[in-house]
PDB file of N, CA and C in Angstrom:
ATOM      1  N   MET A   1      15.977  -1.839   2.642  1.00  0.00           N
ATOM      2  CA  MET A   1      16.956  -0.974   3.256  1.00  0.00           C
ATOM      3  C   MET A   1      16.245   0.060   4.122  1.00  0.00           C
ATOM      4  N   PRO A   2      16.684   0.230   5.347  1.00  0.00           N
ATOM      5  CA  PRO A   2      15.987   1.159   6.253  1.00  0.00           C
ATOM      6  C   PRO A   2      16.065   2.612   5.793  1.00  0.00           C
ATOM      7  N   LYS A   3      15.000   3.327   6.062  1.00  0.00           N
ATOM      8  CA  LYS A   3      14.987   4.775   5.841  1.00  0.00           C
ATOM      9  C   LYS A   3      15.099   5.410   7.225  1.00  0.00           C
ATOM     10  N   TRP A   4      16.190   6.083   7.478  1.00  0.00           N
ATOM     11  CA  TRP A   4      16.462   6.639   8.796  1.00  0.00           C
ATOM     12  C   TRP A   4      15.960   8.070   8.892  1.00  0.00           C
ATOM     13  N   ILE A   5      15.212   8.377   9.958  1.00  0.00           N
ATOM     14  CA  ILE A   5      14.788   9.751  10.232  1.00  0.00           C
ATOM     15  C   ILE A   5      15.105  10.057  11.692  1.00  0.00           C
ATOM     16  N   SER A   6      15.292  11.334  11.969  1.00  0.00           N
ATOM     17  CA  SER A   6      15.616  11.714  13.346  1.00  0.00           C
ATOM     18  C   SER A   6      14.419  11.514  14.254  1.00  0.00           C
ATOM     19  N   VAL A   7      14.694  11.389  15.531  1.00  0.00           N
ATOM     20  CA  VAL A   7      13.619  11.231  16.517  1.00  0.00           C
ATOM     21  C   VAL A   7      12.681  12.437  16.450  1.00  0.00           C
ATOM     22  N   GLU A   8      13.245  13.628  16.311  1.00  0.00           N
ATOM     23  CA  GLU A   8      12.429  14.847  16.242  1.00  0.00           C
ATOM     24  C   GLU A   8      11.535  14.848  15.007  1.00  0.00           C
ATOM     25  N   GLU A   9      12.087  14.437  13.856  1.00  0.00           N
ATOM     26  CA  GLU A   9      11.284  14.350  12.629  1.00  0.00           C
ATOM     27  C   GLU A   9      10.155  13.330  12.781  1.00  0.00           C
ATOM     28  N   ALA A  10      10.484  12.181  13.350  1.00  0.00           N
ATOM     29  CA  ALA A  10       9.479  11.131  13.542  1.00  0.00           C
ATOM     30  C   ALA A  10       8.357  11.620  14.455  1.00  0.00           C
ATOM     31  N   ALA A  11       8.717  12.318  15.524  1.00  0.00           N
ATOM     32  CA  ALA A  11       7.713  12.827  16.460  1.00  0.00           C
ATOM     33  C   ALA A  11       6.770  13.794  15.756  1.00  0.00           C
ATOM     34  N   ALA A  12       7.334  14.699  14.977  1.00  0.00           N
ATOM     35  CA  ALA A  12       6.509  15.687  14.276  1.00  0.00           C
ATOM     36  C   ALA A  12       5.667  15.042  13.178  1.00  0.00           C
ATOM     37  N   LYS A  13       6.268  14.147  12.413  1.00  0.00           N
ATOM     38  CA  LYS A  13       5.589  13.544  11.268  1.00  0.00           C
ATOM     39  C   LYS A  13       4.446  12.614  11.673  1.00  0.00           C
ATOM     40  N   TYR A  14       4.636  11.862  12.774  1.00  0.00           N
ATOM     41  CA  TYR A  14       3.654  10.854  13.158  1.00  0.00           C
ATOM     42  C   TYR A  14       2.861  11.205  14.409  1.00  0.00           C
ATOM     43  N   GLY A  15       3.119  12.376  14.989  1.00  0.00           N
ATOM     44  CA  GLY A  15       2.353  12.813  16.153  1.00  0.00           C
ATOM     45  C   GLY A  15       2.594  11.967  17.385  1.00  0.00           C
ATOM     46  N   ILE A  16       3.813  11.451  17.508  1.00  0.00           N
ATOM     47  CA  ILE A  16       4.177  10.626  18.656  1.00  0.00           C
ATOM     48  C   ILE A  16       5.135  11.439  19.518  1.00  0.00           C
ATOM     49  N   ASN A  17       4.897  11.447  20.809  1.00  0.00           N
ATOM     50  CA  ASN A  17       5.779  12.145  21.733  1.00  0.00           C
ATOM     51  C   ASN A  17       7.193  11.600  21.583  1.00  0.00           C
ATOM     52  N   LYS A  18       8.194  12.486  21.475  1.00  0.00           N
ATOM     53  CA  LYS A  18       9.552  11.984  21.244  1.00  0.00           C
ATOM     54  C   LYS A  18      10.085  11.171  22.421  1.00  0.00           C
ATOM     55  N   GLU A  19       9.594  11.430  23.630  1.00  0.00           N
ATOM     56  CA  GLU A  19      10.004  10.606  24.768  1.00  0.00           C
ATOM     57  C   GLU A  19       9.503   9.170  24.618  1.00  0.00           C
ATOM     58  N   VAL A  20       8.321   9.023  24.008  1.00  0.00           N
ATOM     59  CA  VAL A  20       7.779   7.685  23.747  1.00  0.00           C
ATOM     60  C   VAL A  20       8.646   6.972  22.713  1.00  0.00           C
ATOM     61  N   ILE A  21       9.061   7.691  21.689  1.00  0.00           N
ATOM     62  CA  ILE A  21       9.941   7.107  20.677  1.00  0.00           C
ATOM     63  C   ILE A  21      11.249   6.657  21.326  1.00  0.00           C
ATOM     64  N   TRP A  22      11.810   7.491  22.202  1.00  0.00           N
ATOM     65  CA  TRP A  22      13.033   7.127  22.920  1.00  0.00           C
ATOM     66  C   TRP A  22      12.801   5.868  23.763  1.00  0.00           C
ATOM     67  N   LEU A  23      11.680   5.808  24.445  1.00  0.00           N
ATOM     68  CA  LEU A  23      11.366   4.647  25.276  1.00  0.00           C
ATOM     69  C   LEU A  23      11.293   3.386  24.429  1.00  0.00           C
ATOM     70  N   TRP A  24      10.561   3.450  23.314  1.00  0.00           N
ATOM     71  CA  TRP A  24      10.447   2.293  22.432  1.00  0.00           C
ATOM     72  C   TRP A  24      11.818   1.882  21.905  1.00  0.00           C
ATOM     73  N   ALA A  25      12.641   2.853  21.555  1.00  0.00           N
ATOM     74  CA  ALA A  25      13.986   2.547  21.060  1.00  0.00           C
ATOM     75  C   ALA A  25      14.822   1.895  22.156  1.00  0.00           C
ATOM     76  N   ASP A  26      14.733   2.417  23.374  1.00  0.00           N
ATOM     77  CA  ASP A  26      15.469   1.826  24.503  1.00  0.00           C
ATOM     78  C   ASP A  26      15.000   0.407  24.788  1.00  0.00           C
ATOM     79  N   MET A  27      13.720   0.140  24.519  1.00  0.00           N
ATOM     80  CA  MET A  27      13.161  -1.196  24.712  1.00  0.00           C
ATOM     81  C   MET A  27      13.472  -2.114  23.524  1.00  0.00           C
ATOM     82  N   LYS A  28      14.218  -1.567  22.558  1.00  0.00           N
ATOM     83  CA  LYS A  28      14.633  -2.302  21.354  1.00  0.00           C
ATOM     84  C   LYS A  28      13.442  -2.771  20.518  1.00  0.00           C
ATOM     85  N   ARG A  29      12.425  -1.907  20.435  1.00  0.00           N
ATOM     86  CA  ARG A  29      11.246  -2.210  19.615  1.00  0.00           C
ATOM     87  C   ARG A  29      11.527  -1.980  18.130  1.00  0.00           C
ATOM     88  N   PHE A  30      12.536  -1.166  17.826  1.00  0.00           N
ATOM     89  CA  PHE A  30      12.959  -0.923  16.453  1.00  0.00           C
ATOM     90  C   PHE A  30      14.403  -0.428  16.464  1.00  0.00           C
ATOM     91  N   PRO A  31      15.084  -0.524  15.310  1.00  0.00           N
ATOM     92  CA  PRO A  31      16.478  -0.100  15.249  1.00  0.00           C
ATOM     93  C   PRO A  31      16.634   1.414  15.375  1.00  0.00           C
ATOM     94  N   MET A  32      17.744   1.798  15.974  1.00  0.00           N
ATOM     95  CA  MET A  32      18.097   3.212  16.019  1.00  0.00           C
ATOM     96  C   MET A  32      19.579   3.333  15.734  1.00  0.00           C
ATOM     97  N   SER A  33      20.005   4.518  15.321  1.00  0.00           N
ATOM     98  CA  SER A  33      21.387   4.743  14.955  1.00  0.00           C
ATOM     99  C   SER A  33      21.816   6.125  15.439  1.00  0.00           C
ATOM    100  N   TYR A  34      23.097   6.274  15.690  1.00  0.00           N
ATOM    101  CA  TYR A  34      23.661   7.570  16.067  1.00  0.00           C
ATOM    102  C   TYR A  34      24.678   7.965  15.014  1.00  0.00           C
ATOM    103  N   GLU A  35      24.426   9.092  14.365  1.00  0.00           N
ATOM    104  CA  GLU A  35      25.367   9.598  13.369  1.00  0.00           C
ATOM    105  C   GLU A  35      25.478  11.101  13.510  1.00  0.00           C
ATOM    106  N   LYS A  36      26.708  11.569  13.572  1.00  0.00           N
ATOM    107  CA  LYS A  36      26.983  13.006  13.630  1.00  0.00           C
ATOM    108  C   LYS A  36      26.195  13.688  14.743  1.00  0.00           C
ATOM    109  N   GLY A  37      26.045  12.999  15.874  1.00  0.00           N
ATOM    110  CA  GLY A  37      25.354  13.572  17.019  1.00  0.00           C
ATOM    111  C   GLY A  37      23.832  13.574  16.917  1.00  0.00           C
ATOM    112  N   ILE A  38      23.290  12.934  15.886  1.00  0.00           N
ATOM    113  CA  ILE A  38      21.839  12.886  15.697  1.00  0.00           C
ATOM    114  C   ILE A  38      21.379  11.442  15.856  1.00  0.00           C
ATOM    115  N   THR A  39      20.354  11.246  16.663  1.00  0.00           N
ATOM    116  CA  THR A  39      19.774   9.922  16.839  1.00  0.00           C
ATOM    117  C   THR A  39      18.683   9.735  15.803  1.00  0.00           C
ATOM    118  N   THR A  40      18.782   8.643  15.066  1.00  0.00           N
ATOM    119  CA  THR A  40      17.785   8.352  14.047  1.00  0.00           C
ATOM    120  C   THR A  40      17.145   6.994  14.314  1.00  0.00           C
ATOM    121  N   VAL A  41      15.942   6.824  13.783  1.00  0.00           N
ATOM    122  CA  VAL A  41      15.212   5.558  13.915  1.00  0.00           C
ATOM    123  C   VAL A  41      14.804   5.090  12.529  1.00  0.00           C
ATOM    124  N   ASP A  42      14.592   3.788  12.407  1.00  0.00           N
ATOM    125  CA  ASP A  42      14.126   3.211  11.150  1.00  0.00           C
ATOM    126  C   ASP A  42      12.638   3.542  11.003  1.00  0.00           C
ATOM    127  N   GLU A  43      12.322   4.317   9.995  1.00  0.00           N
ATOM    128  CA  GLU A  43      10.952   4.805   9.821  1.00  0.00           C
ATOM    129  C   GLU A  43       9.951   3.675   9.598  1.00  0.00           C
ATOM    130  N   GLU A  44      10.299   2.686   8.784  1.00  0.00           N
ATOM    131  CA  GLU A  44       9.366   1.582   8.524  1.00  0.00           C
ATOM    132  C   GLU A  44       9.063   0.791   9.795  1.00  0.00           C
ATOM    133  N   SER A  45      10.073   0.573  10.622  1.00  0.00           N
ATOM    134  CA  SER A  45       9.863  -0.147  11.882  1.00  0.00           C
ATOM    135  C   SER A  45       8.978   0.662  12.827  1.00  0.00           C
ATOM    136  N   LEU A  46       9.186   1.967  12.857  1.00  0.00           N
ATOM    137  CA  LEU A  46       8.370   2.843  13.691  1.00  0.00           C
ATOM    138  C   LEU A  46       6.906   2.795  13.254  1.00  0.00           C
ATOM    139  N   ILE A  47       6.686   2.854  11.954  1.00  0.00           N
ATOM    140  CA  ILE A  47       5.318   2.779  11.423  1.00  0.00           C
ATOM    141  C   ILE A  47       4.686   1.439  11.792  1.00  0.00           C
ATOM    142  N   GLY A  48       5.438   0.357  11.627  1.00  0.00           N
ATOM    143  CA  GLY A  48       4.927  -0.974  11.968  1.00  0.00           C
ATOM    144  C   GLY A  48       4.552  -1.088  13.431  1.00  0.00           C
ATOM    145  N   LEU A  49       5.394  -0.552  14.315  1.00  0.00           N
ATOM    146  CA  LEU A  49       5.100  -0.596  15.737  1.00  0.00           C
ATOM    147  C   LEU A  49       3.872   0.244  16.062  1.00  0.00           C
ATOM    148  N   ARG A  50       3.766   1.381  15.433  1.00  0.00           N
ATOM    149  CA  ARG A  50       2.611   2.251  15.678  1.00  0.00           C
ATOM    150  C   ARG A  50       1.308   1.559  15.261  1.00  0.00           C
ATOM    151  N   ILE A  51       1.338   0.874  14.140  1.00  0.00           N
ATOM    152  CA  ILE A  51       0.154   0.148  13.672  1.00  0.00           C
ATOM    153  C   ILE A  51      -0.212  -0.962  14.658  1.00  0.00           C
ATOM    154  N   LYS A  52       0.791  -1.703  15.129  1.00  0.00           N
ATOM    155  CA  LYS A  52       0.539  -2.763  16.118  1.00  0.00           C
ATOM    156  C   LYS A  52      -0.091  -2.192  17.373  1.00  0.00           C
ATOM    157  N   MET A  53       0.430  -1.053  17.849  1.00  0.00           N
ATOM    158  CA  MET A  53      -0.095  -0.446  19.066  1.00  0.00           C
ATOM    159  C   MET A  53      -1.535   0.005  18.868  1.00  0.00           C
ATOM    160  N   GLU A  54      -1.844   0.588  17.709  1.00  0.00           N
ATOM    161  CA  GLU A  54      -3.212   1.031  17.429  1.00  0.00           C
ATOM    162  C   GLU A  54      -4.161  -0.171  17.375  1.00  0.00           C
ATOM    163  N   ASN A  55      -3.719  -1.265  16.760  1.00  0.00           N
ATOM    164  CA  ASN A  55      -4.564  -2.461  16.676  1.00  0.00           C
ATOM    165  C   ASN A  55      -4.827  -3.042  18.058  1.00  0.00           C
ATOM    166  N   LYS A  56      -3.810  -3.082  18.906  1.00  0.00           N
ATOM    167  CA  LYS A  56      -3.996  -3.584  20.267  1.00  0.00           C
ATOM    168  C   LYS A  56      -4.969  -2.695  21.038  1.00  0.00           C
ATOM    169  N   ARG A  57      -4.866  -1.387  20.834  1.00  0.00           N
ATOM    170  CA  ARG A  57      -5.763  -0.447  21.499  1.00  0.00           C
ATOM    171  C   ARG A  57      -7.205  -0.688  21.051  1.00  0.00           C
ATOM    172  N   LYS A  58      -7.397  -0.929  19.761  1.00  0.00           N
ATOM    173  CA  LYS A  58      -8.739  -1.192  19.242  1.00  0.00           C
ATOM    174  C   LYS A  58      -9.308  -2.476  19.831  1.00  0.00           C
ATOM    175  N   ILE A  59      -8.486  -3.504  19.917  1.00  0.00           N
ATOM    176  CA  ILE A  59      -8.936  -4.775  20.483  1.00  0.00           C
ATOM    177  C   ILE A  59      -9.338  -4.597  21.938  1.00  0.00           C
ATOM    178  N   CYS A  60      -8.493  -3.907  22.703  1.00  0.00           N
ATOM    179  CA  CYS A  60      -8.809  -3.673  24.122  1.00  0.00           C
ATOM    180  C   CYS A  60     -10.079  -2.858  24.270  1.00  0.00           C
ATOM    181  N   ARG A  61     -10.250  -1.865  23.421  1.00  0.00           N
ATOM    182  CA  ARG A  61     -11.448  -1.036  23.484  1.00  0.00           C
ATOM    183  C   ARG A  61     -12.680  -1.884  23.189  1.00  0.00           C
ATOM    184  N   THR A  62     -12.581  -2.780  22.217  1.00  0.00           N
ATOM    185  CA  THR A  62     -13.693  -3.646  21.869  1.00  0.00           C
ATOM    186  C   THR A  62     -14.037  -4.579  23.025  1.00  0.00           C
ATOM    187  N   ILE A  63     -13.028  -5.157  23.629  1.00  0.00           N
ATOM    188  CA  ILE A  63     -13.250  -6.106  24.722  1.00  0.00           C
ATOM    189  C   ILE A  63     -13.788  -5.423  25.964  1.00  0.00           C
ATOM    190  N   PHE A  64     -13.158  -4.336  26.380  1.00  0.00           N
ATOM    191  CA  PHE A  64     -13.492  -3.734  27.666  1.00  0.00           C
ATOM    192  C   PHE A  64     -14.572  -2.671  27.605  1.00  0.00           C
ATOM    193  N   VAL A  65     -14.582  -1.857  26.589  1.00  0.00           N
ATOM    194  CA  VAL A  65     -15.559  -0.771  26.514  1.00  0.00           C
ATOM    195  C   VAL A  65     -16.878  -1.258  25.942  1.00  0.00           C
ATOM    196  N   ASP A  66     -16.813  -1.957  24.825  1.00  0.00           N
ATOM    197  CA  ASP A  66     -18.049  -2.405  24.178  1.00  0.00           C
ATOM    198  C   ASP A  66     -18.802  -3.436  25.009  1.00  0.00           C
ATOM    199  N   ASN A  67     -18.113  -4.194  25.821  1.00  0.00           N
ATOM    200  CA  ASN A  67     -18.780  -5.207  26.654  1.00  0.00           C
ATOM    201  C   ASN A  67     -19.424  -4.630  27.917  1.00  0.00           C
ATOM    202  N   THR A  68     -19.174  -3.374  28.198  1.00  0.00           N
ATOM    203  CA  THR A  68     -19.757  -2.762  29.390  1.00  0.00           C
ATOM    204  C   THR A  68     -21.072  -2.075  29.070  1.00  0.00           C
ATOM    205  N   ARG A  69     -21.448  -2.043  27.825  1.00  0.00           N
ATOM    206  CA  ARG A  69     -22.695  -1.341  27.415  1.00  0.00           C
ATOM    207  C   ARG A  69     -23.870  -2.236  27.495  1.00  0.00           C
TER     208      ARG A  69
END
């Protein structure tokens, strides 16, 4: 069952710019919901996406940065 947190809470808790969270949500990278005028996102999906992005960044860094030395 999803754990819903507001975009503002997610930004503060995970150090992600809230505009980036909005962009990812608009791109349908994870579920979002609107209740009582507050936009919320599924916290587990956000964490999963963040981990994927960090792993891709590490791979790119390994390929492009480490190979230039």
